[in-house]
N, C-alpha and C. Protein backbone atom coordinates (compact mmCIF):
# COMPACT_ATOMS: atom_id res chain seq x y z
N MET A 1 76.11 134.94 111.63
CA MET A 1 75.64 134.29 112.78
C MET A 1 75.60 132.71 112.36
N ASP A 2 76.11 131.54 113.30
CA ASP A 2 75.94 130.66 112.91
C ASP A 2 74.40 129.86 112.98
N GLU A 3 74.21 128.64 112.52
CA GLU A 3 72.81 128.06 112.83
C GLU A 3 72.75 127.29 114.09
N PHE A 4 71.66 127.48 114.45
CA PHE A 4 71.51 126.30 115.53
C PHE A 4 71.22 124.86 115.11
N HIS A 5 72.13 124.26 115.68
CA HIS A 5 71.94 122.70 115.15
C HIS A 5 71.49 122.05 116.81
N PRO A 6 70.58 121.25 116.41
CA PRO A 6 69.91 120.26 117.63
C PRO A 6 71.06 119.48 118.00
N GLU A 7 71.31 119.19 118.98
CA GLU A 7 72.19 118.19 119.72
C GLU A 7 72.62 117.07 118.84
N GLU A 8 71.01 116.12 118.86
CA GLU A 8 70.86 115.14 117.76
C GLU A 8 71.56 114.94 116.53
N GLU A 9 71.15 116.10 115.43
CA GLU A 9 71.67 116.61 114.42
C GLU A 9 73.15 116.22 113.75
N ILE A 10 73.65 117.01 115.20
CA ILE A 10 75.33 116.97 114.95
C ILE A 10 76.30 115.74 115.41
N THR A 11 75.45 115.01 116.01
CA THR A 11 76.16 113.81 116.75
C THR A 11 76.50 113.08 115.61
N PHE A 12 77.67 112.43 115.68
CA PHE A 12 78.36 111.58 114.91
C PHE A 12 78.24 109.76 115.38
N VAL A 13 77.46 109.43 114.31
CA VAL A 13 76.74 108.16 114.77
C VAL A 13 77.56 106.92 114.27
N VAL A 14 78.40 106.24 115.02
CA VAL A 14 79.28 105.24 114.33
C VAL A 14 78.65 104.03 113.21
N ASP A 15 77.25 103.86 114.36
CA ASP A 15 76.85 102.70 113.67
C ASP A 15 76.14 103.07 112.23
N GLU A 16 75.92 104.29 112.16
CA GLU A 16 75.32 104.76 110.91
C GLU A 16 76.44 104.62 109.42
N VAL A 17 77.55 105.51 110.00
CA VAL A 17 78.91 105.41 109.25
C VAL A 17 79.21 104.17 108.74
N SER A 18 79.27 102.92 109.97
CA SER A 18 79.66 101.89 109.43
C SER A 18 79.22 101.00 108.39
N GLY A 19 77.34 101.22 108.48
CA GLY A 19 76.67 100.67 107.68
C GLY A 19 77.10 101.09 106.12
N ILE A 20 77.43 102.42 106.20
CA ILE A 20 77.69 103.03 104.94
C ILE A 20 78.83 102.90 104.44
N ILE A 21 79.73 102.32 105.14
CA ILE A 21 81.16 101.86 104.71
C ILE A 21 80.98 100.46 104.12
N LYS A 22 80.28 99.41 104.65
CA LYS A 22 79.99 98.16 104.63
C LYS A 22 79.26 98.13 103.31
N GLU A 23 78.21 99.03 102.98
CA GLU A 23 77.71 99.10 101.70
C GLU A 23 78.16 99.24 100.71
N SER A 24 79.15 100.39 100.96
CA SER A 24 80.06 100.87 99.50
C SER A 24 81.15 99.98 99.24
N VAL A 25 81.98 99.01 100.39
CA VAL A 25 82.67 97.88 99.91
C VAL A 25 81.98 96.73 99.74
N GLU A 26 80.75 96.55 100.03
CA GLU A 26 79.81 95.25 98.87
C GLU A 26 79.47 95.62 97.77
N GLY A 27 79.31 96.99 97.38
CA GLY A 27 78.72 97.47 95.94
C GLY A 27 80.17 97.50 95.17
N ALA A 28 81.20 97.65 95.51
CA ALA A 28 82.26 98.15 94.67
C ALA A 28 83.11 96.55 94.55
N ILE A 29 82.79 96.15 95.50
CA ILE A 29 83.93 94.16 95.27
C ILE A 29 82.85 93.34 95.44
N GLY A 30 82.04 93.74 95.78
CA GLY A 30 80.88 92.16 96.04
C GLY A 30 81.47 90.87 96.60
N GLY A 31 81.12 90.03 95.73
CA GLY A 31 81.76 88.57 95.99
C GLY A 31 82.83 88.48 95.22
N ASN A 32 83.44 89.42 94.55
CA ASN A 32 84.71 89.12 93.63
C ASN A 32 86.03 88.81 94.46
N ALA A 33 86.56 87.89 93.82
CA ALA A 33 87.90 87.37 94.32
C ALA A 33 88.71 88.62 94.03
N TYR A 34 89.91 88.34 94.79
CA TYR A 34 91.17 89.16 94.68
C TYR A 34 91.77 89.44 93.08
N GLN A 35 91.87 90.52 92.59
CA GLN A 35 92.49 90.88 91.34
C GLN A 35 93.41 91.67 91.12
N HIS A 36 94.41 91.99 91.31
CA HIS A 36 95.23 92.73 91.56
C HIS A 36 95.20 93.85 90.14
N SER A 37 94.53 93.50 88.91
CA SER A 37 94.49 94.29 88.01
C SER A 37 93.13 95.35 88.25
N ARG A 38 92.04 94.90 89.00
CA ARG A 38 91.28 95.44 89.57
C ARG A 38 91.35 96.34 90.84
N VAL A 39 92.02 96.46 91.80
CA VAL A 39 92.29 97.15 92.86
C VAL A 39 92.57 98.50 93.03
N ASN A 40 92.86 99.43 91.65
CA ASN A 40 92.79 100.69 91.85
C ASN A 40 91.30 101.19 91.98
N GLN A 41 90.62 100.52 90.66
CA GLN A 41 89.04 100.79 90.28
C GLN A 41 88.19 100.38 91.43
N TRP A 42 88.59 99.22 92.13
CA TRP A 42 87.88 99.21 93.61
C TRP A 42 87.88 99.98 94.57
N THR A 43 89.40 100.02 94.93
CA THR A 43 89.43 101.12 95.59
C THR A 43 88.65 102.86 95.49
N THR A 44 88.95 103.24 94.18
CA THR A 44 88.43 104.54 93.63
C THR A 44 86.94 104.51 94.05
N ASN A 45 86.29 103.03 93.73
CA ASN A 45 85.16 103.00 93.80
C ASN A 45 84.14 102.97 95.26
N VAL A 46 84.94 102.74 96.21
CA VAL A 46 84.86 102.64 97.60
C VAL A 46 84.92 103.67 98.47
N VAL A 47 85.82 104.49 97.91
CA VAL A 47 86.24 105.92 98.77
C VAL A 47 85.34 107.06 98.22
N GLU A 48 84.89 107.07 96.51
CA GLU A 48 83.92 107.75 95.92
C GLU A 48 82.62 107.44 96.47
N GLN A 49 82.15 106.40 96.83
CA GLN A 49 80.77 105.83 97.04
C GLN A 49 80.32 106.35 98.80
N CYS A 50 81.62 105.97 99.44
CA CYS A 50 81.60 106.41 101.06
C CYS A 50 81.28 108.09 101.08
N LEU A 51 82.42 108.75 100.30
CA LEU A 51 82.38 110.05 100.08
C LEU A 51 81.02 110.59 99.83
N ASN A 52 80.34 109.85 98.78
CA ASN A 52 78.98 110.45 98.36
C ASN A 52 78.09 110.31 99.45
N GLN A 53 77.77 109.04 100.28
CA GLN A 53 76.67 108.77 101.29
C GLN A 53 76.97 109.55 102.38
N LEU A 54 78.40 109.76 103.13
CA LEU A 54 78.61 110.89 104.34
C LEU A 54 77.93 112.01 103.85
N THR A 55 78.50 112.49 102.73
CA THR A 55 77.70 113.60 102.30
C THR A 55 76.34 114.16 102.51
N LYS A 56 75.89 113.22 101.83
CA LYS A 56 74.24 113.11 102.15
C LYS A 56 73.66 113.13 102.96
N LEU A 57 74.75 112.89 104.26
CA LEU A 57 73.96 113.00 105.61
C LEU A 57 73.45 114.40 106.15
N GLY A 58 74.24 115.05 105.36
CA GLY A 58 74.17 116.52 105.89
C GLY A 58 74.31 116.81 107.28
N LYS A 59 75.64 116.41 107.83
CA LYS A 59 76.00 116.58 108.74
C LYS A 59 77.15 117.38 108.82
N PRO A 60 77.12 118.52 109.74
CA PRO A 60 78.24 119.43 109.46
C PRO A 60 80.05 119.06 109.75
N PHE A 61 80.08 117.55 109.26
CA PHE A 61 81.24 117.06 109.32
C PHE A 61 82.14 117.12 108.08
N LYS A 62 83.56 117.51 108.20
CA LYS A 62 84.28 117.31 107.23
C LYS A 62 84.94 115.37 107.21
N TYR A 63 85.10 114.81 106.29
CA TYR A 63 85.35 113.21 106.25
C TYR A 63 86.65 112.91 105.37
N ILE A 64 87.24 112.43 105.95
CA ILE A 64 88.70 111.68 105.42
C ILE A 64 88.53 110.32 105.26
N VAL A 65 88.45 109.63 104.13
CA VAL A 65 88.41 108.28 103.60
C VAL A 65 89.63 107.42 102.91
N THR A 66 90.06 106.45 103.80
CA THR A 66 90.92 106.01 103.18
C THR A 66 90.75 104.42 103.04
N CYS A 67 91.08 103.54 101.61
CA CYS A 67 91.24 102.49 101.70
C CYS A 67 92.54 101.93 101.18
N ILE A 68 92.26 100.81 101.74
CA ILE A 68 93.66 99.76 100.93
C ILE A 68 92.99 98.57 100.93
N ILE A 69 93.32 97.83 99.94
CA ILE A 69 92.64 96.73 99.30
C ILE A 69 94.24 95.81 99.54
N MET A 70 93.91 94.38 100.03
CA MET A 70 95.22 93.41 100.14
C MET A 70 94.76 92.28 99.95
N GLN A 71 95.87 91.15 99.27
CA GLN A 71 94.91 90.15 98.81
C GLN A 71 95.20 89.31 100.39
N LYS A 72 94.37 88.21 100.62
CA LYS A 72 94.44 87.93 102.13
C LYS A 72 95.21 86.38 101.90
N ASN A 73 96.34 86.15 102.35
CA ASN A 73 97.38 85.00 101.92
C ASN A 73 98.18 84.45 103.01
N GLY A 74 97.54 84.86 103.92
CA GLY A 74 98.15 84.17 105.60
C GLY A 74 99.41 84.81 105.90
N ALA A 75 99.94 85.62 104.84
CA ALA A 75 101.10 86.46 105.79
C ALA A 75 100.97 87.39 106.51
N GLY A 76 101.57 88.01 107.07
CA GLY A 76 101.36 89.34 108.27
C GLY A 76 101.88 90.34 107.50
N LEU A 77 101.21 91.15 107.86
CA LEU A 77 101.37 93.10 107.36
C LEU A 77 102.81 93.59 107.91
N GLN A 78 103.78 94.00 107.78
CA GLN A 78 104.63 94.72 108.41
C GLN A 78 104.52 96.05 107.86
N THR A 79 104.99 97.21 108.81
CA THR A 79 104.93 98.64 108.15
C THR A 79 106.39 99.35 108.85
């Protein structure tokens, strides 16, 4: 039988998740300037920190985290 979860415990709180993401990005990259050689490491760190912190919330959700780090050079992004 499924456990009973009060409504407030299973609500997805956007502000809480946004804070976790911001902290993860700041923790991994901080004030460092763009360095192509470090992008893979930064990306991995951001994703792992986000997933670890989201899991610690203990909410019954599955999370997918995607991270793209690009150099800001004034050019537009085309997909």
